[in-house]
Amino acid sequence: YGQENAIYRNRGDGRFENVSETAGPHFQEKHVGRGGTGFDY
């Protein structure tokens, strides 16, 4: 069952803000995610 991936912005005050809705169309898609990492390709 696919689910949306999520991305959160650190506000710097101890809280995270879910910015998935404005982070791009990918975050509205559903996938069966597993591995994930970051790199400046």
PDB file of all heavy atoms in Angstrom:
ATOM      1  N   TYR A   1       0.846  -1.183   0.000  1.00  0.00           N
ATOM      2  CA  TYR A   1       0.000   0.000   0.000  1.00  0.00           C
ATOM      3  C   TYR A   1       0.886   1.239   0.000  1.00  0.00           C
ATOM      4  O   TYR A   1       1.705   1.427   0.892  1.00  0.00           O
ATOM      5  CB  TYR A   1      -0.913   0.023   1.226  1.00  0.00           C
ATOM      6  CG  TYR A   1      -1.936  -1.099   1.274  1.00  0.00           C
ATOM      7  CD1 TYR A   1      -2.456  -1.538   2.479  1.00  0.00           C
ATOM      8  CD2 TYR A   1      -2.393  -1.712   0.105  1.00  0.00           C
ATOM      9  CE1 TYR A   1      -3.389  -2.565   2.536  1.00  0.00           C
ATOM     10  CE2 TYR A   1      -3.320  -2.734   0.139  1.00  0.00           C
ATOM     11  CZ  TYR A   1      -3.817  -3.158   1.359  1.00  0.00           C
ATOM     12  OH  TYR A   1      -4.739  -4.172   1.409  1.00  0.00           O
ATOM     13  N   GLY A   2       0.714   2.058  -1.004  1.00  0.00           N
ATOM     14  CA  GLY A   2       1.535   3.245  -1.099  1.00  0.00           C
ATOM     15  C   GLY A   2       1.133   4.315  -0.098  1.00  0.00           C
ATOM     16  O   GLY A   2      -0.036   4.420   0.306  1.00  0.00           O
ATOM     17  N   GLN A   3       2.110   5.106   0.315  1.00  0.00           N
ATOM     18  CA  GLN A   3       1.884   6.250   1.196  1.00  0.00           C
ATOM     19  C   GLN A   3       2.721   7.419   0.705  1.00  0.00           C
ATOM     20  O   GLN A   3       3.730   7.238   0.012  1.00  0.00           O
ATOM     21  CB  GLN A   3       2.269   5.918   2.645  1.00  0.00           C
ATOM     22  CG  GLN A   3       1.433   4.830   3.284  1.00  0.00           C
ATOM     23  CD  GLN A   3       1.878   4.519   4.706  1.00  0.00           C
ATOM     24  OE1 GLN A   3       2.985   4.843   5.110  1.00  0.00           O
ATOM     25  NE2 GLN A   3       1.006   3.881   5.459  1.00  0.00           N
ATOM     26  N   GLU A   4       2.297   8.625   1.062  1.00  0.00           N
ATOM     27  CA  GLU A   4       3.067   9.801   0.695  1.00  0.00           C
ATOM     28  C   GLU A   4       4.320   9.908   1.557  1.00  0.00           C
ATOM     29  O   GLU A   4       4.285   9.639   2.756  1.00  0.00           O
ATOM     30  CB  GLU A   4       2.237  11.075   0.880  1.00  0.00           C
ATOM     31  CG  GLU A   4       0.939  11.115   0.074  1.00  0.00           C
ATOM     32  CD  GLU A   4      -0.236  10.553   0.846  1.00  0.00           C
ATOM     33  OE1 GLU A   4      -0.005   9.860   1.874  1.00  0.00           O
ATOM     34  OE2 GLU A   4      -1.380  10.791   0.421  1.00  0.00           O
ATOM     35  N   ASN A   5       5.443  10.279   0.941  1.00  0.00           N
ATOM     36  CA  ASN A   5       6.618  10.633   1.718  1.00  0.00           C
ATOM     37  C   ASN A   5       6.386  11.997   2.357  1.00  0.00           C
ATOM     38  O   ASN A   5       5.503  12.751   1.945  1.00  0.00           O
ATOM     39  CB  ASN A   5       7.870  10.644   0.844  1.00  0.00           C
ATOM     40  CG  ASN A   5       8.242   9.260   0.370  1.00  0.00           C
ATOM     41  OD1 ASN A   5       8.085   8.284   1.095  1.00  0.00           O
ATOM     42  ND2 ASN A   5       8.719   9.160  -0.863  1.00  0.00           N
ATOM     43  N   ALA A   6       7.168  12.309   3.381  1.00  0.00           N
ATOM     44  CA  ALA A   6       6.921  13.538   4.139  1.00  0.00           C
ATOM     45  C   ALA A   6       8.221  14.292   4.377  1.00  0.00           C
ATOM     46  O   ALA A   6       9.283  13.689   4.555  1.00  0.00           O
ATOM     47  CB  ALA A   6       6.263  13.206   5.476  1.00  0.00           C
ATOM     48  N   ILE A   7       8.115  15.616   4.378  1.00  0.00           N
ATOM     49  CA  ILE A   7       9.262  16.467   4.661  1.00  0.00           C
ATOM     50  C   ILE A   7       8.829  17.562   5.631  1.00  0.00           C
ATOM     51  O   ILE A   7       7.728  18.116   5.522  1.00  0.00           O
ATOM     52  CB  ILE A   7       9.853  17.053   3.352  1.00  0.00           C
ATOM     53  CG1 ILE A   7      11.172  17.766   3.639  1.00  0.00           C
ATOM     54  CG2 ILE A   7       8.865  17.940   2.619  1.00  0.00           C
ATOM     55  CD1 ILE A   7      11.978  18.060   2.385  1.00  0.00           C
ATOM     56  N   TYR A   8       9.683  17.823   6.625  1.00  0.00           N
ATOM     57  CA  TYR A   8       9.358  18.748   7.702  1.00  0.00           C
ATOM     58  C   TYR A   8      10.475  19.787   7.834  1.00  0.00           C
ATOM     59  O   TYR A   8      11.656  19.452   7.792  1.00  0.00           O
ATOM     60  CB  TYR A   8       9.220  18.009   9.038  1.00  0.00           C
ATOM     61  CG  TYR A   8       8.180  16.917   9.021  1.00  0.00           C
ATOM     62  CD1 TYR A   8       8.501  15.641   8.558  1.00  0.00           C
ATOM     63  CD2 TYR A   8       6.879  17.136   9.469  1.00  0.00           C
ATOM     64  CE1 TYR A   8       7.551  14.631   8.532  1.00  0.00           C
ATOM     65  CE2 TYR A   8       5.926  16.135   9.457  1.00  0.00           C
ATOM     66  CZ  TYR A   8       6.270  14.881   8.983  1.00  0.00           C
ATOM     67  OH  TYR A   8       5.329  13.879   8.965  1.00  0.00           O
ATOM     68  N   ARG A   9      10.073  21.024   8.040  1.00  0.00           N
ATOM     69  CA  ARG A   9      11.029  22.112   8.245  1.00  0.00           C
ATOM     70  C   ARG A   9      11.219  22.359   9.735  1.00  0.00           C
ATOM     71  O   ARG A   9      10.260  22.486  10.491  1.00  0.00           O
ATOM     72  CB  ARG A   9      10.537  23.393   7.573  1.00  0.00           C
ATOM     73  CG  ARG A   9      11.464  24.582   7.776  1.00  0.00           C
ATOM     74  CD  ARG A   9      10.965  25.823   7.059  1.00  0.00           C
ATOM     75  NE  ARG A   9      11.810  26.975   7.351  1.00  0.00           N
ATOM     76  CZ  ARG A   9      11.619  27.808   8.371  1.00  0.00           C
ATOM     77  NH1 ARG A   9      10.580  27.631   9.182  1.00  0.00           N
ATOM     78  NH2 ARG A   9      12.446  28.812   8.581  1.00  0.00           N
ATOM     79  N   ASN A  10      12.485  22.404  10.150  1.00  0.00           N
ATOM     80  CA  ASN A  10      12.831  22.734  11.527  1.00  0.00           C
ATOM     81  C   ASN A  10      12.688  24.245  11.712  1.00  0.00           C
ATOM     82  O   ASN A  10      13.417  25.027  11.092  1.00  0.00           O
ATOM     83  CB  ASN A  10      14.262  22.283  11.823  1.00  0.00           C
ATOM     84  CG  ASN A  10      14.636  22.407  13.290  1.00  0.00           C
ATOM     85  OD1 ASN A  10      14.023  23.146  14.041  1.00  0.00           O
ATOM     86  ND2 ASN A  10      15.672  21.678  13.684  1.00  0.00           N
ATOM     87  N   ARG A  11      11.755  24.664  12.556  1.00  0.00           N
ATOM     88  CA  ARG A  11      11.497  26.096  12.738  1.00  0.00           C
ATOM     89  C   ARG A  11      12.522  26.770  13.642  1.00  0.00           C
ATOM     90  O   ARG A  11      12.533  28.000  13.761  1.00  0.00           O
ATOM     91  CB  ARG A  11      10.094  26.307  13.336  1.00  0.00           C
ATOM     92  CG  ARG A  11       8.997  25.671  12.517  1.00  0.00           C
ATOM     93  CD  ARG A  11       7.615  26.170  12.900  1.00  0.00           C
ATOM     94  NE  ARG A  11       7.445  26.362  14.334  1.00  0.00           N
ATOM     95  CZ  ARG A  11       6.291  26.709  14.902  1.00  0.00           C
ATOM     96  NH1 ARG A  11       5.225  26.894  14.141  1.00  0.00           N
ATOM     97  NH2 ARG A  11       6.180  26.866  16.209  1.00  0.00           N
ATOM     98  N   GLY A  12      13.358  25.988  14.306  1.00  0.00           N
ATOM     99  CA  GLY A  12      14.374  26.557  15.182  1.00  0.00           C
ATOM    100  C   GLY A  12      13.876  26.879  16.572  1.00  0.00           C
ATOM    101  O   GLY A  12      14.631  27.421  17.389  1.00  0.00           O
ATOM    102  N   ASP A  13      12.613  26.538  16.874  1.00  0.00           N
ATOM    103  CA  ASP A  13      12.046  26.787  18.198  1.00  0.00           C
ATOM    104  C   ASP A  13      11.620  25.500  18.894  1.00  0.00           C
ATOM    105  O   ASP A  13      10.813  25.525  19.816  1.00  0.00           O
ATOM    106  CB  ASP A  13      10.848  27.739  18.090  1.00  0.00           C
ATOM    107  CG  ASP A  13       9.719  27.174  17.217  1.00  0.00           C
ATOM    108  OD1 ASP A  13       9.879  26.057  16.673  1.00  0.00           O
ATOM    109  OD2 ASP A  13       8.670  27.848  17.088  1.00  0.00           O
ATOM    110  N   GLY A  14      12.166  24.371  18.431  1.00  0.00           N
ATOM    111  CA  GLY A  14      11.814  23.092  19.023  1.00  0.00           C
ATOM    112  C   GLY A  14      10.693  22.363  18.307  1.00  0.00           C
ATOM    113  O   GLY A  14      10.334  21.257  18.700  1.00  0.00           O
ATOM    114  N   ARG A  15      10.140  22.969  17.260  1.00  0.00           N
ATOM    115  CA  ARG A  15       9.027  22.355  16.548  1.00  0.00           C
ATOM    116  C   ARG A  15       9.370  22.176  15.066  1.00  0.00           C
ATOM    117  O   ARG A  15      10.165  22.923  14.491  1.00  0.00           O
ATOM    118  CB  ARG A  15       7.756  23.200  16.676  1.00  0.00           C
ATOM    119  CG  ARG A  15       7.222  23.256  18.100  1.00  0.00           C
ATOM    120  CD  ARG A  15       5.917  24.033  18.162  1.00  0.00           C
ATOM    121  NE  ARG A  15       4.872  23.427  17.335  1.00  0.00           N
ATOM    122  CZ  ARG A  15       4.113  22.413  17.727  1.00  0.00           C
ATOM    123  NH1 ARG A  15       4.291  21.872  18.926  1.00  0.00           N
ATOM    124  NH2 ARG A  15       3.173  21.916  16.942  1.00  0.00           N
ATOM    125  N   PHE A  16       8.721  21.155  14.471  1.00  0.00           N
ATOM    126  CA  PHE A  16       8.841  20.901  13.044  1.00  0.00           C
ATOM    127  C   PHE A  16       7.522  21.238  12.353  1.00  0.00           C
ATOM    128  O   PHE A  16       6.449  20.961  12.883  1.00  0.00           O
ATOM    129  CB  PHE A  16       9.191  19.437  12.773  1.00  0.00           C
ATOM    130  CG  PHE A  16      10.638  19.102  12.999  1.00  0.00           C
ATOM    131  CD1 PHE A  16      11.086  18.722  14.252  1.00  0.00           C
ATOM    132  CD2 PHE A  16      11.551  19.157  11.959  1.00  0.00           C
ATOM    133  CE1 PHE A  16      12.425  18.405  14.476  1.00  0.00           C
ATOM    134  CE2 PHE A  16      12.889  18.843  12.166  1.00  0.00           C
ATOM    135  CZ  PHE A  16      13.322  18.470  13.425  1.00  0.00           C
ATOM    136  N   GLU A  17       7.634  21.814  11.159  1.00  0.00           N
ATOM    137  CA  GLU A  17       6.466  22.182  10.366  1.00  0.00           C
ATOM    138  C   GLU A  17       6.395  21.277   9.145  1.00  0.00           C
ATOM    139  O   GLU A  17       7.356  21.168   8.376  1.00  0.00           O
ATOM    140  CB  GLU A  17       6.593  23.646   9.939  1.00  0.00           C
ATOM    141  CG  GLU A  17       5.516  24.113   8.986  1.00  0.00           C
ATOM    142  CD  GLU A  17       5.799  25.504   8.445  1.00  0.00           C
ATOM    143  OE1 GLU A  17       6.892  26.057   8.743  1.00  0.00           O
ATOM    144  OE2 GLU A  17       4.941  26.029   7.717  1.00  0.00           O
ATOM    145  N   ASN A  18       5.254  20.606   8.953  1.00  0.00           N
ATOM    146  CA  ASN A  18       5.071  19.742   7.790  1.00  0.00           C
ATOM    147  C   ASN A  18       4.879  20.611   6.546  1.00  0.00           C
ATOM    148  O   ASN A  18       3.885  21.308   6.409  1.00  0.00           O
ATOM    149  CB  ASN A  18       3.856  18.840   7.997  1.00  0.00           C
ATOM    150  CG  ASN A  18       3.764  17.752   6.933  1.00  0.00           C
ATOM    151  OD1 ASN A  18       4.367  17.852   5.870  1.00  0.00           O
ATOM    152  ND2 ASN A  18       3.010  16.712   7.219  1.00  0.00           N
ATOM    153  N   VAL A  19       5.858  20.588   5.648  1.00  0.00           N
ATOM    154  CA  VAL A  19       5.795  21.415   4.443  1.00  0.00           C
ATOM    155  C   VAL A  19       5.611  20.549   3.196  1.00  0.00           C
ATOM    156  O   VAL A  19       5.868  20.994   2.079  1.00  0.00           O
ATOM    157  CB  VAL A  19       7.063  22.279   4.308  1.00  0.00           C
ATOM    158  CG1 VAL A  19       7.153  23.287   5.444  1.00  0.00           C
ATOM    159  CG2 VAL A  19       8.333  21.412   4.273  1.00  0.00           C
ATOM    160  N   SER A  20       5.118  19.326   3.374  1.00  0.00           N
ATOM    161  CA  SER A  20       4.980  18.389   2.261  1.00  0.00           C
ATOM    162  C   SER A  20       4.062  18.918   1.172  1.00  0.00           C
ATOM    163  O   SER A  20       4.290  18.686  -0.025  1.00  0.00           O
ATOM    164  CB  SER A  20       4.455  17.044   2.773  1.00  0.00           C
ATOM    165  OG  SER A  20       5.308  16.505   3.768  1.00  0.00           O
ATOM    166  N   GLU A  21       3.000  19.643   1.546  1.00  0.00           N
ATOM    167  CA  GLU A  21       2.026  20.109   0.554  1.00  0.00           C
ATOM    168  C   GLU A  21       2.610  21.130  -0.397  1.00  0.00           C
ATOM    169  O   GLU A  21       2.121  21.290  -1.518  1.00  0.00           O
ATOM    170  CB  GLU A  21       0.803  20.688   1.264  1.00  0.00           C
ATOM    171  CG  GLU A  21      -0.050  19.647   1.976  1.00  0.00           C
ATOM    172  CD  GLU A  21      -1.340  20.240   2.504  1.00  0.00           C
ATOM    173  OE1 GLU A  21      -1.552  21.462   2.328  1.00  0.00           O
ATOM    174  OE2 GLU A  21      -2.127  19.496   3.098  1.00  0.00           O
ATOM    175  N   THR A  22       3.655  21.838   0.023  1.00  0.00           N
ATOM    176  CA  THR A  22       4.244  22.872  -0.822  1.00  0.00           C
ATOM    177  C   THR A  22       5.645  22.502  -1.313  1.00  0.00           C
ATOM    178  O   THR A  22       6.317  23.334  -1.934  1.00  0.00           O
ATOM    179  CB  THR A  22       4.317  24.208  -0.054  1.00  0.00           C
ATOM    180  OG1 THR A  22       5.107  24.037   1.139  1.00  0.00           O
ATOM    181  CG2 THR A  22       2.926  24.677   0.338  1.00  0.00           C
ATOM    182  N   ALA A  23       6.079  21.268  -1.048  1.00  0.00           N
ATOM    183  CA  ALA A  23       7.455  20.878  -1.372  1.00  0.00           C
ATOM    184  C   ALA A  23       7.602  20.297  -2.772  1.00  0.00           C
ATOM    185  O   ALA A  23       8.710  19.965  -3.186  1.00  0.00           O
ATOM    186  CB  ALA A  23       7.961  19.864  -0.350  1.00  0.00           C
ATOM    187  N   GLY A  24       6.497  20.166  -3.511  1.00  0.00           N
ATOM    188  CA  GLY A  24       6.578  19.626  -4.865  1.00  0.00           C
ATOM    189  C   GLY A  24       5.581  18.511  -5.090  1.00  0.00           C
ATOM    190  O   GLY A  24       5.065  17.910  -4.131  1.00  0.00           O
ATOM    191  N   PRO A  25       5.279  18.198  -6.350  1.00  0.00           N
ATOM    192  CA  PRO A  25       4.249  17.197  -6.662  1.00  0.00           C
ATOM    193  C   PRO A  25       4.568  15.798  -6.153  1.00  0.00           C
ATOM    194  O   PRO A  25       3.656  15.007  -5.936  1.00  0.00           O
ATOM    195  CB  PRO A  25       4.164  17.234  -8.195  1.00  0.00           C
ATOM    196  CG  PRO A  25       5.445  17.869  -8.650  1.00  0.00           C
ATOM    197  CD  PRO A  25       5.836  18.824  -7.568  1.00  0.00           C
ATOM    198  N   HIS A  26       5.850  15.470  -5.987  1.00  0.00           N
ATOM    199  CA  HIS A  26       6.178  14.125  -5.499  1.00  0.00           C
ATOM    200  C   HIS A  26       5.496  13.825  -4.181  1.00  0.00           C
ATOM    201  O   HIS A  26       5.069  12.683  -3.946  1.00  0.00           O
ATOM    202  CB  HIS A  26       7.692  13.969  -5.330  1.00  0.00           C
ATOM    203  CG  HIS A  26       8.062  12.749  -4.528  1.00  0.00           C
ATOM    204  ND1 HIS A  26       8.060  11.480  -5.055  1.00  0.00           N
ATOM    205  CD2 HIS A  26       8.388  12.604  -3.200  1.00  0.00           C
ATOM    206  CE1 HIS A  26       8.379  10.605  -4.110  1.00  0.00           C
ATOM    207  NE2 HIS A  26       8.584  11.259  -2.994  1.00  0.00           N
ATOM    208  N   PHE A  27       5.381  14.804  -3.311  1.00  0.00           N
ATOM    209  CA  PHE A  27       4.861  14.569  -1.974  1.00  0.00           C
ATOM    210  C   PHE A  27       3.337  14.422  -1.958  1.00  0.00           C
ATOM    211  O   PHE A  27       2.746  14.233  -0.899  1.00  0.00           O
ATOM    212  CB  PHE A  27       5.315  15.695  -1.042  1.00  0.00           C
ATOM    213  CG  PHE A  27       6.802  15.679  -0.805  1.00  0.00           C
ATOM    214  CD1 PHE A  27       7.655  16.432  -1.595  1.00  0.00           C
ATOM    215  CD2 PHE A  27       7.354  14.877   0.178  1.00  0.00           C
ATOM    216  CE1 PHE A  27       9.025  16.403  -1.388  1.00  0.00           C
ATOM    217  CE2 PHE A  27       8.726  14.837   0.386  1.00  0.00           C
ATOM    218  CZ  PHE A  27       9.561  15.594  -0.396  1.00  0.00           C
ATOM    219  N   GLN A  28       2.718  14.476  -3.131  1.00  0.00           N
ATOM    220  CA  GLN A  28       1.298  14.153  -3.255  1.00  0.00           C
ATOM    221  C   GLN A  28       1.107  12.758  -3.856  1.00  0.00           C
ATOM    222  O   GLN A  28      -0.019  12.275  -3.942  1.00  0.00           O
ATOM    223  CB  GLN A  28       0.603  15.196  -4.137  1.00  0.00           C
ATOM    224  CG  GLN A  28       0.910  16.642  -3.781  1.00  0.00           C
ATOM    225  CD  GLN A  28       0.656  16.963  -2.322  1.00  0.00           C
ATOM    226  OE1 GLN A  28      -0.378  16.581  -1.770  1.00  0.00           O
ATOM    227  NE2 GLN A  28       1.591  17.669  -1.694  1.00  0.00           N
ATOM    228  N   GLU A  29       2.186  12.125  -4.257  1.00  0.00           N
ATOM    229  CA  GLU A  29       2.121  10.786  -4.839  1.00  0.00           C
ATOM    230  C   GLU A  29       2.263   9.726  -3.749  1.00  0.00           C
ATOM    231  O   GLU A  29       2.807   9.994  -2.672  1.00  0.00           O
ATOM    232  CB  GLU A  29       3.243  10.609  -5.865  1.00  0.00           C
ATOM    233  CG  GLU A  29       3.237  11.620  -6.996  1.00  0.00           C
ATOM    234  CD  GLU A  29       4.501  11.537  -7.833  1.00  0.00           C
ATOM    235  OE1 GLU A  29       5.373  10.680  -7.528  1.00  0.00           O
ATOM    236  OE2 GLU A  29       4.635  12.341  -8.782  1.00  0.00           O
ATOM    237  N   LYS A  30       1.788   8.515  -4.052  1.00  0.00           N
ATOM    238  CA  LYS A  30       1.901   7.408  -3.107  1.00  0.00           C
ATOM    239  C   LYS A  30       2.830   6.335  -3.667  1.00  0.00           C
ATOM    240  O   LYS A  30       2.674   5.894  -4.805  1.00  0.00           O
ATOM    241  CB  LYS A  30       0.525   6.814  -2.807  1.00  0.00           C
ATOM    242  CG  LYS A  30      -0.386   7.760  -2.031  1.00  0.00           C
ATOM    243  CD  LYS A  30      -1.678   7.079  -1.627  1.00  0.00           C
ATOM    244  CE  LYS A  30      -2.547   8.031  -0.801  1.00  0.00           C
ATOM    245  NZ  LYS A  30      -3.805   7.382  -0.336  1.00  0.00           N
ATOM    246  N   HIS A  31       3.800   5.960  -2.848  1.00  0.00           N
ATOM    247  CA  HIS A  31       4.741   4.908  -3.196  1.00  0.00           C
ATOM    248  C   HIS A  31       4.959   4.034  -1.964  1.00  0.00           C
ATOM    249  O   HIS A  31       4.630   4.424  -0.848  1.00  0.00           O
ATOM    250  CB  HIS A  31       6.081   5.501  -3.644  1.00  0.00           C
ATOM    251  CG  HIS A  31       5.986   6.398  -4.841  1.00  0.00           C
ATOM    252  ND1 HIS A  31       6.041   5.931  -6.131  1.00  0.00           N
ATOM    253  CD2 HIS A  31       5.828   7.751  -4.941  1.00  0.00           C
ATOM    254  CE1 HIS A  31       5.932   6.945  -6.979  1.00  0.00           C
ATOM    255  NE2 HIS A  31       5.799   8.056  -6.275  1.00  0.00           N
ATOM    256  N   VAL A  32       5.516   2.851  -2.180  1.00  0.00           N
ATOM    257  CA  VAL A  32       5.889   1.995  -1.054  1.00  0.00           C
ATOM    258  C   VAL A  32       7.365   2.238  -0.787  1.00  0.00           C
ATOM    259  O   VAL A  32       8.242   1.482  -1.209  1.00  0.00           O
ATOM    260  CB  VAL A  32       5.594   0.508  -1.352  1.00  0.00           C
ATOM    261  CG1 VAL A  32       5.819  -0.349  -0.096  1.00  0.00           C
ATOM    262  CG2 VAL A  32       4.162   0.339  -1.845  1.00  0.00           C
ATOM    263  N   GLY A  33       7.642   3.329  -0.085  1.00  0.00           N
ATOM    264  CA  GLY A  33       9.011   3.761   0.123  1.00  0.00           C
ATOM    265  C   GLY A  33       9.779   2.860   1.076  1.00  0.00           C
ATOM    266  O   GLY A  33       9.226   2.304   2.025  1.00  0.00           O
ATOM    267  N   ARG A  34      11.079   2.751   0.832  1.00  0.00           N
ATOM    268  CA  ARG A  34      11.972   2.010   1.722  1.00  0.00           C
ATOM    269  C   ARG A  34      13.236   2.844   1.971  1.00  0.00           C
ATOM    270  O   ARG A  34      13.288   3.650   2.847  1.00  0.00           O
ATOM    271  CB  ARG A  34      12.314   0.632   1.121  1.00  0.00           C
ATOM    272  CG  ARG A  34      11.148  -0.356   1.145  1.00  0.00           C
ATOM    273  CD  ARG A  34      10.691  -0.668   2.557  1.00  0.00           C
ATOM    274  NE  ARG A  34       9.667  -1.710   2.593  1.00  0.00           N
ATOM    275  CZ  ARG A  34       8.362  -1.486   2.648  1.00  0.00           C
ATOM    276  NH1 ARG A  34       7.904  -0.237   2.641  1.00  0.00           N
ATOM    277  NH2 ARG A  34       7.509  -2.481   2.706  1.00  0.00           N
ATOM    278  N   GLY A  35      14.269   2.660   1.187  1.00  0.00           N
ATOM    279  CA  GLY A  35      15.508   3.396   1.399  1.00  0.00           C
ATOM    280  C   GLY A  35      15.387   4.845   0.948  1.00  0.00           C
ATOM    281  O   GLY A  35      14.563   5.188   0.095  1.00  0.00           O
ATOM    282  N   GLY A  36      16.214   5.690   1.524  1.00  0.00           N
ATOM    283  CA  GLY A  36      16.234   7.088   1.137  1.00  0.00           C
ATOM    284  C   GLY A  36      17.449   7.782   1.724  1.00  0.00           C
ATOM    285  O   GLY A  36      17.844   7.481   2.855  1.00  0.00           O
ATOM    286  N   THR A  37      18.044   8.685   0.963  1.00  0.00           N
ATOM    287  CA  THR A  37      19.229   9.365   1.459  1.00  0.00           C
ATOM    288  C   THR A  37      19.412  10.676   0.703  1.00  0.00           C
ATOM    289  O   THR A  37      18.672  10.979  -0.233  1.00  0.00           O
ATOM    290  CB  THR A  37      20.469   8.470   1.297  1.00  0.00           C
ATOM    291  OG1 THR A  37      21.565   9.034   2.011  1.00  0.00           O
ATOM    292  CG2 THR A  37      20.851   8.303  -0.155  1.00  0.00           C
ATOM    293  N   GLY A  38      20.412  11.444   1.117  1.00  0.00           N
ATOM    294  CA  GLY A  38      20.656  12.742   0.508  1.00  0.00           C
ATOM    295  C   GLY A  38      22.018  12.820  -0.145  1.00  0.00           C
ATOM    296  O   GLY A  38      22.987  12.242   0.350  1.00  0.00           O
ATOM    297  N   PHE A  39      22.103  13.533  -1.268  1.00  0.00           N
ATOM    298  CA  PHE A  39      23.387  13.826  -1.889  1.00  0.00           C
ATOM    299  C   PHE A  39      23.196  14.974  -2.885  1.00  0.00           C
ATOM    300  O   PHE A  39      22.121  15.139  -3.458  1.00  0.00           O
ATOM    301  CB  PHE A  39      23.982  12.595  -2.573  1.00  0.00           C
ATOM    302  CG  PHE A  39      23.286  12.174  -3.844  1.00  0.00           C
ATOM    303  CD1 PHE A  39      23.943  12.251  -5.065  1.00  0.00           C
ATOM    304  CD2 PHE A  39      21.996  11.669  -3.824  1.00  0.00           C
ATOM    305  CE1 PHE A  39      23.315  11.857  -6.227  1.00  0.00           C
ATOM    306  CE2 PHE A  39      21.361  11.274  -4.986  1.00  0.00           C
ATOM    307  CZ  PHE A  39      22.016  11.361  -6.197  1.00  0.00           C
ATOM    308  N   ASP A  40      24.236  15.738  -3.046  1.00  0.00           N
ATOM    309  CA  ASP A  40      24.201  16.880  -3.949  1.00  0.00           C
ATOM    310  C   ASP A  40      24.665  16.405  -5.322  1.00  0.00           C
ATOM    311  O   ASP A  40      25.825  16.580  -5.685  1.00  0.00           O
ATOM    312  CB  ASP A  40      25.090  17.999  -3.393  1.00  0.00           C
ATOM    313  CG  ASP A  40      25.061  19.257  -4.238  1.00  0.00           C
ATOM    314  OD1 ASP A  40      24.295  19.299  -5.220  1.00  0.00           O
ATOM    315  OD2 ASP A  40      25.826  20.196  -3.927  1.00  0.00           O
ATOM    316  N   TYR A  41      23.747  15.849  -6.098  1.00  0.00           N
ATOM    317  CA  TYR A  41      24.148  15.199  -7.342  1.00  0.00           C
ATOM    318  C   TYR A  41      24.548  16.188  -8.429  1.00  0.00           C
ATOM    319  O   TYR A  41      25.331  15.855  -9.327  1.00  0.00           O
ATOM    320  CB  TYR A  41      23.038  14.271  -7.846  1.00  0.00           C
ATOM    321  CG  TYR A  41      21.983  14.947  -8.686  1.00  0.00           C
ATOM    322  CD1 TYR A  41      22.058  14.927 -10.078  1.00  0.00           C
ATOM    323  CD2 TYR A  41      20.918  15.618  -8.096  1.00  0.00           C
ATOM    324  CE1 TYR A  41      21.101  15.552 -10.861  1.00  0.00           C
ATOM    325  CE2 TYR A  41      19.961  16.238  -8.867  1.00  0.00           C
ATOM    326  CZ  TYR A  41      20.051  16.203 -10.244  1.00  0.00           C
ATOM    327  OH  TYR A  41      19.094  16.833 -10.997  1.00  0.00           O
TER     328      TYR A  41
END
